[in-house]
Amino acid sequence: MNYNREKVLKAKEMYPYGTRVELIELCNDEKDMPAGIRGTVVGVDDQPALLMHWDNGKSLSLLVDKDNFRKLTEQEVLAEFGSSNDEEEDQCQTM
């Protein structure tokens, strides 16, 4: 494996821990990994590949240069999980 420090650093910058992504297509055929599935980045290795925790419980990595995926927007993430800041503000206003 040819380690490319610049590619690894760029991947870590673009996809820090906690980044949510959506799979478009894998470079190979994997069972139970349909297009549209979402997951959370938990790290970046030296390939660089994104170490993932998928919403279906799988931990298959994404190859940055080979797999097709996209980073979720902030609005999409808020829609998935709701905004806890709004709830905290509401609680503070009612106290």
N, C-alpha and C. Protein backbone atom coordinates (compact mmCIF):
# COMPACT_ATOMS: atom_id res chain seq x y z
N MET A 1 0.85 -1.18 0.00
CA MET A 1 0.00 0.00 0.00
C MET A 1 0.89 1.24 0.00
N ASN A 2 0.58 2.16 -0.87
CA ASN A 2 1.37 3.38 -0.99
C ASN A 2 0.74 4.47 -0.13
N TYR A 3 1.38 4.80 0.97
CA TYR A 3 0.88 5.79 1.91
C TYR A 3 1.10 7.20 1.37
N ASN A 4 0.04 7.99 1.30
CA ASN A 4 0.14 9.36 0.83
C ASN A 4 -0.34 10.27 1.95
N ARG A 5 0.60 10.85 2.66
CA ARG A 5 0.30 11.66 3.85
C ARG A 5 -0.66 12.81 3.52
N GLU A 6 -0.46 13.47 2.38
CA GLU A 6 -1.31 14.61 2.01
C GLU A 6 -2.76 14.19 1.81
N LYS A 7 -2.98 13.03 1.15
CA LYS A 7 -4.34 12.54 0.94
C LYS A 7 -5.02 12.20 2.27
N VAL A 8 -4.25 11.60 3.17
CA VAL A 8 -4.79 11.23 4.48
C VAL A 8 -5.17 12.48 5.26
N LEU A 9 -4.29 13.48 5.28
CA LEU A 9 -4.58 14.72 6.01
C LEU A 9 -5.80 15.44 5.42
N LYS A 10 -5.91 15.44 4.08
CA LYS A 10 -7.05 16.06 3.43
C LYS A 10 -8.34 15.34 3.80
N ALA A 11 -8.31 14.01 3.80
CA ALA A 11 -9.50 13.22 4.16
C ALA A 11 -9.91 13.50 5.61
N LYS A 12 -8.92 13.59 6.50
CA LYS A 12 -9.23 13.87 7.92
C LYS A 12 -9.83 15.26 8.08
N GLU A 13 -9.38 16.20 7.28
CA GLU A 13 -9.91 17.56 7.33
C GLU A 13 -11.34 17.62 6.76
N MET A 14 -11.55 16.93 5.65
CA MET A 14 -12.86 16.96 4.99
C MET A 14 -13.92 16.13 5.73
N TYR A 15 -13.49 15.05 6.39
CA TYR A 15 -14.43 14.13 7.04
C TYR A 15 -14.01 13.87 8.49
N PRO A 16 -14.10 14.88 9.36
CA PRO A 16 -13.71 14.66 10.75
C PRO A 16 -14.67 13.71 11.47
N TYR A 17 -14.25 13.23 12.61
CA TYR A 17 -15.07 12.35 13.44
C TYR A 17 -16.47 12.96 13.60
N GLY A 18 -17.48 12.14 13.40
CA GLY A 18 -18.86 12.58 13.58
C GLY A 18 -19.54 13.05 12.30
N THR A 19 -18.78 13.19 11.20
CA THR A 19 -19.37 13.61 9.93
C THR A 19 -20.37 12.57 9.47
N ARG A 20 -21.54 13.02 9.02
CA ARG A 20 -22.56 12.12 8.49
C ARG A 20 -22.45 12.08 6.98
N VAL A 21 -22.49 10.87 6.41
CA VAL A 21 -22.42 10.71 4.96
C VAL A 21 -23.53 9.78 4.49
N GLU A 22 -23.82 9.88 3.19
CA GLU A 22 -24.81 9.02 2.55
C GLU A 22 -24.13 8.28 1.41
N LEU A 23 -24.33 6.98 1.36
CA LEU A 23 -23.74 6.16 0.32
C LEU A 23 -24.51 6.32 -0.99
N ILE A 24 -23.78 6.53 -2.08
CA ILE A 24 -24.37 6.57 -3.41
C ILE A 24 -24.10 5.23 -4.11
N GLU A 25 -22.82 4.81 -4.12
CA GLU A 25 -22.46 3.54 -4.73
C GLU A 25 -21.09 3.10 -4.26
N LEU A 26 -20.95 1.82 -3.95
CA LEU A 26 -19.65 1.26 -3.58
C LEU A 26 -18.92 0.79 -4.83
N CYS A 27 -17.59 0.74 -4.75
CA CYS A 27 -16.79 0.27 -5.89
C CYS A 27 -16.89 -1.24 -6.05
N ASN A 28 -17.41 -1.93 -5.06
CA ASN A 28 -17.64 -3.37 -5.14
C ASN A 28 -19.04 -3.68 -4.59
N ASP A 29 -19.50 -4.88 -4.81
CA ASP A 29 -20.85 -5.26 -4.39
C ASP A 29 -20.81 -5.78 -2.96
N GLU A 30 -21.47 -5.10 -2.06
CA GLU A 30 -21.53 -5.51 -0.66
C GLU A 30 -22.98 -5.76 -0.27
N LYS A 31 -23.21 -6.88 0.37
CA LYS A 31 -24.54 -7.23 0.85
C LYS A 31 -24.98 -6.25 1.95
N ASP A 32 -26.23 -5.88 1.93
CA ASP A 32 -26.84 -5.02 2.96
C ASP A 32 -26.26 -3.61 3.00
N MET A 33 -25.74 -3.13 1.86
CA MET A 33 -25.23 -1.75 1.78
C MET A 33 -25.88 -1.06 0.58
N PRO A 34 -27.18 -0.75 0.70
CA PRO A 34 -27.89 -0.14 -0.43
C PRO A 34 -27.56 1.33 -0.59
N ALA A 35 -27.73 1.81 -1.79
CA ALA A 35 -27.60 3.26 -2.02
C ALA A 35 -28.58 3.98 -1.12
N GLY A 36 -28.15 5.11 -0.57
CA GLY A 36 -29.01 5.91 0.30
C GLY A 36 -28.81 5.65 1.78
N ILE A 37 -28.12 4.57 2.12
CA ILE A 37 -27.88 4.31 3.54
C ILE A 37 -26.94 5.38 4.09
N ARG A 38 -27.15 5.73 5.34
CA ARG A 38 -26.34 6.78 5.97
C ARG A 38 -25.51 6.23 7.11
N GLY A 39 -24.43 6.94 7.39
CA GLY A 39 -23.55 6.51 8.46
C GLY A 39 -22.72 7.66 9.00
N THR A 40 -21.95 7.36 10.04
CA THR A 40 -21.13 8.35 10.74
C THR A 40 -19.66 7.97 10.65
N VAL A 41 -18.84 8.94 10.29
CA VAL A 41 -17.39 8.74 10.23
C VAL A 41 -16.85 8.63 11.66
N VAL A 42 -16.06 7.57 11.91
CA VAL A 42 -15.44 7.40 13.23
C VAL A 42 -13.92 7.45 13.16
N GLY A 43 -13.38 7.67 11.95
CA GLY A 43 -11.95 7.78 11.80
C GLY A 43 -11.53 7.72 10.35
N VAL A 44 -10.23 7.92 10.12
CA VAL A 44 -9.64 7.83 8.78
C VAL A 44 -8.36 7.03 8.91
N ASP A 45 -8.20 6.02 8.02
CA ASP A 45 -6.96 5.23 8.07
C ASP A 45 -5.97 5.72 7.01
N ASP A 46 -4.89 4.98 6.81
CA ASP A 46 -3.80 5.42 5.94
C ASP A 46 -4.01 5.18 4.45
N GLN A 47 -5.18 4.62 4.03
CA GLN A 47 -5.38 4.34 2.60
C GLN A 47 -5.60 5.59 1.76
N PRO A 48 -6.27 6.63 1.99
CA PRO A 48 -7.19 6.84 3.11
C PRO A 48 -8.57 6.23 2.86
N ALA A 49 -9.10 5.64 3.89
CA ALA A 49 -10.47 5.14 3.90
C ALA A 49 -11.16 5.70 5.13
N LEU A 50 -12.45 5.96 4.99
CA LEU A 50 -13.23 6.45 6.13
C LEU A 50 -13.71 5.25 6.93
N LEU A 51 -13.38 5.22 8.20
CA LEU A 51 -13.87 4.19 9.11
C LEU A 51 -15.27 4.61 9.51
N MET A 52 -16.24 3.72 9.33
CA MET A 52 -17.64 4.10 9.43
C MET A 52 -18.41 3.30 10.46
N HIS A 53 -19.44 3.92 10.99
CA HIS A 53 -20.49 3.23 11.74
C HIS A 53 -21.78 3.52 10.98
N TRP A 54 -22.28 2.52 10.26
CA TRP A 54 -23.47 2.69 9.43
C TRP A 54 -24.74 2.55 10.26
N ASP A 55 -25.80 3.20 9.83
CA ASP A 55 -27.06 3.14 10.55
C ASP A 55 -27.66 1.74 10.62
N ASN A 56 -27.22 0.84 9.73
CA ASN A 56 -27.69 -0.54 9.77
C ASN A 56 -26.81 -1.43 10.66
N GLY A 57 -25.86 -0.82 11.37
CA GLY A 57 -25.01 -1.56 12.29
C GLY A 57 -23.70 -2.05 11.69
N LYS A 58 -23.54 -1.94 10.39
CA LYS A 58 -22.32 -2.38 9.72
C LYS A 58 -21.18 -1.39 9.99
N SER A 59 -19.94 -1.87 9.75
CA SER A 59 -18.77 -1.01 9.96
C SER A 59 -17.87 -0.98 8.73
N LEU A 60 -18.42 -1.22 7.56
CA LEU A 60 -17.66 -1.22 6.32
C LEU A 60 -17.06 0.16 6.05
N SER A 61 -15.77 0.19 5.75
CA SER A 61 -15.08 1.46 5.45
C SER A 61 -15.42 1.94 4.05
N LEU A 62 -15.31 3.25 3.84
CA LEU A 62 -15.47 3.86 2.51
C LEU A 62 -14.10 4.22 1.97
N LEU A 63 -13.83 3.81 0.73
CA LEU A 63 -12.59 4.19 0.08
C LEU A 63 -12.78 5.56 -0.55
N VAL A 64 -12.05 6.53 -0.07
CA VAL A 64 -12.24 7.93 -0.46
C VAL A 64 -12.13 8.12 -1.97
N ASP A 65 -11.17 7.47 -2.61
CA ASP A 65 -10.94 7.66 -4.05
C ASP A 65 -11.73 6.71 -4.94
N LYS A 66 -12.45 5.75 -4.36
CA LYS A 66 -13.13 4.74 -5.19
C LYS A 66 -14.63 4.67 -4.98
N ASP A 67 -15.09 4.78 -3.75
CA ASP A 67 -16.53 4.71 -3.48
C ASP A 67 -17.18 6.06 -3.75
N ASN A 68 -18.47 6.03 -4.04
CA ASN A 68 -19.21 7.25 -4.34
C ASN A 68 -20.16 7.53 -3.17
N PHE A 69 -19.96 8.65 -2.51
CA PHE A 69 -20.76 9.04 -1.35
C PHE A 69 -20.77 10.55 -1.25
N ARG A 70 -21.62 11.06 -0.38
CA ARG A 70 -21.66 12.51 -0.18
C ARG A 70 -21.81 12.83 1.30
N LYS A 71 -21.30 13.98 1.66
CA LYS A 71 -21.42 14.48 3.03
C LYS A 71 -22.81 15.11 3.18
N LEU A 72 -23.49 14.80 4.28
CA LEU A 72 -24.80 15.40 4.53
C LEU A 72 -24.62 16.87 4.90
N THR A 73 -25.60 17.68 4.50
CA THR A 73 -25.58 19.08 4.88
C THR A 73 -25.97 19.23 6.35
N GLU A 74 -25.68 20.36 6.91
CA GLU A 74 -26.05 20.63 8.29
C GLU A 74 -27.57 20.52 8.48
N GLN A 75 -28.33 21.00 7.49
CA GLN A 75 -29.79 20.93 7.55
C GLN A 75 -30.28 19.48 7.56
N GLU A 76 -29.63 18.62 6.76
CA GLU A 76 -30.02 17.21 6.73
C GLU A 76 -29.73 16.53 8.07
N VAL A 77 -28.61 16.85 8.66
CA VAL A 77 -28.26 16.28 9.95
C VAL A 77 -29.26 16.73 11.02
N LEU A 78 -29.60 18.02 11.01
CA LEU A 78 -30.59 18.52 11.97
C LEU A 78 -31.94 17.86 11.77
N ALA A 79 -32.32 17.63 10.53
CA ALA A 79 -33.60 16.96 10.25
C ALA A 79 -33.58 15.52 10.76
N GLU A 80 -32.43 14.86 10.68
CA GLU A 80 -32.31 13.48 11.17
C GLU A 80 -32.43 13.40 12.69
N PHE A 81 -31.74 14.27 13.37
CA PHE A 81 -31.60 14.17 14.81
C PHE A 81 -32.32 15.26 15.59
N GLY A 82 -32.85 16.26 14.91
CA GLY A 82 -33.47 17.38 15.60
C GLY A 82 -32.40 18.28 16.18
N SER A 83 -32.77 19.47 16.55
CA SER A 83 -31.82 20.42 17.11
C SER A 83 -31.97 20.45 18.61
N SER A 84 -31.01 19.87 19.33
CA SER A 84 -31.07 19.86 20.79
C SER A 84 -30.90 21.26 21.35
N ASN A 85 -30.23 22.17 20.60
CA ASN A 85 -30.07 23.55 21.06
C ASN A 85 -31.42 24.24 21.17
N ASP A 86 -32.32 24.01 20.20
CA ASP A 86 -33.65 24.60 20.26
C ASP A 86 -34.40 24.11 21.48
N GLU A 87 -34.30 22.81 21.81
CA GLU A 87 -34.98 22.26 22.97
C GLU A 87 -34.43 22.87 24.25
N GLU A 88 -33.09 23.03 24.33
CA GLU A 88 -32.48 23.63 25.51
C GLU A 88 -32.93 25.07 25.67
N GLU A 89 -33.01 25.82 24.56
CA GLU A 89 -33.46 27.21 24.62
C GLU A 89 -34.91 27.28 25.09
N ASP A 90 -35.77 26.38 24.58
CA ASP A 90 -37.17 26.34 24.99
C ASP A 90 -37.28 26.07 26.48
N GLN A 91 -36.48 25.14 27.01
CA GLN A 91 -36.52 24.80 28.42
C GLN A 91 -36.07 25.99 29.26
N CYS A 92 -35.04 26.71 28.81
CA CYS A 92 -34.56 27.86 29.56
C CYS A 92 -35.59 28.97 29.59
N GLN A 93 -36.32 29.16 28.50
CA GLN A 93 -37.31 30.23 28.43
C GLN A 93 -38.51 29.94 29.31
N THR A 94 -38.83 28.66 29.56
CA THR A 94 -40.00 28.33 30.34
C THR A 94 -39.69 28.27 31.83
N MET A 95 -38.44 28.30 32.19
CA MET A 95 -38.08 28.22 33.62
C MET A 95 -38.19 29.54 34.30
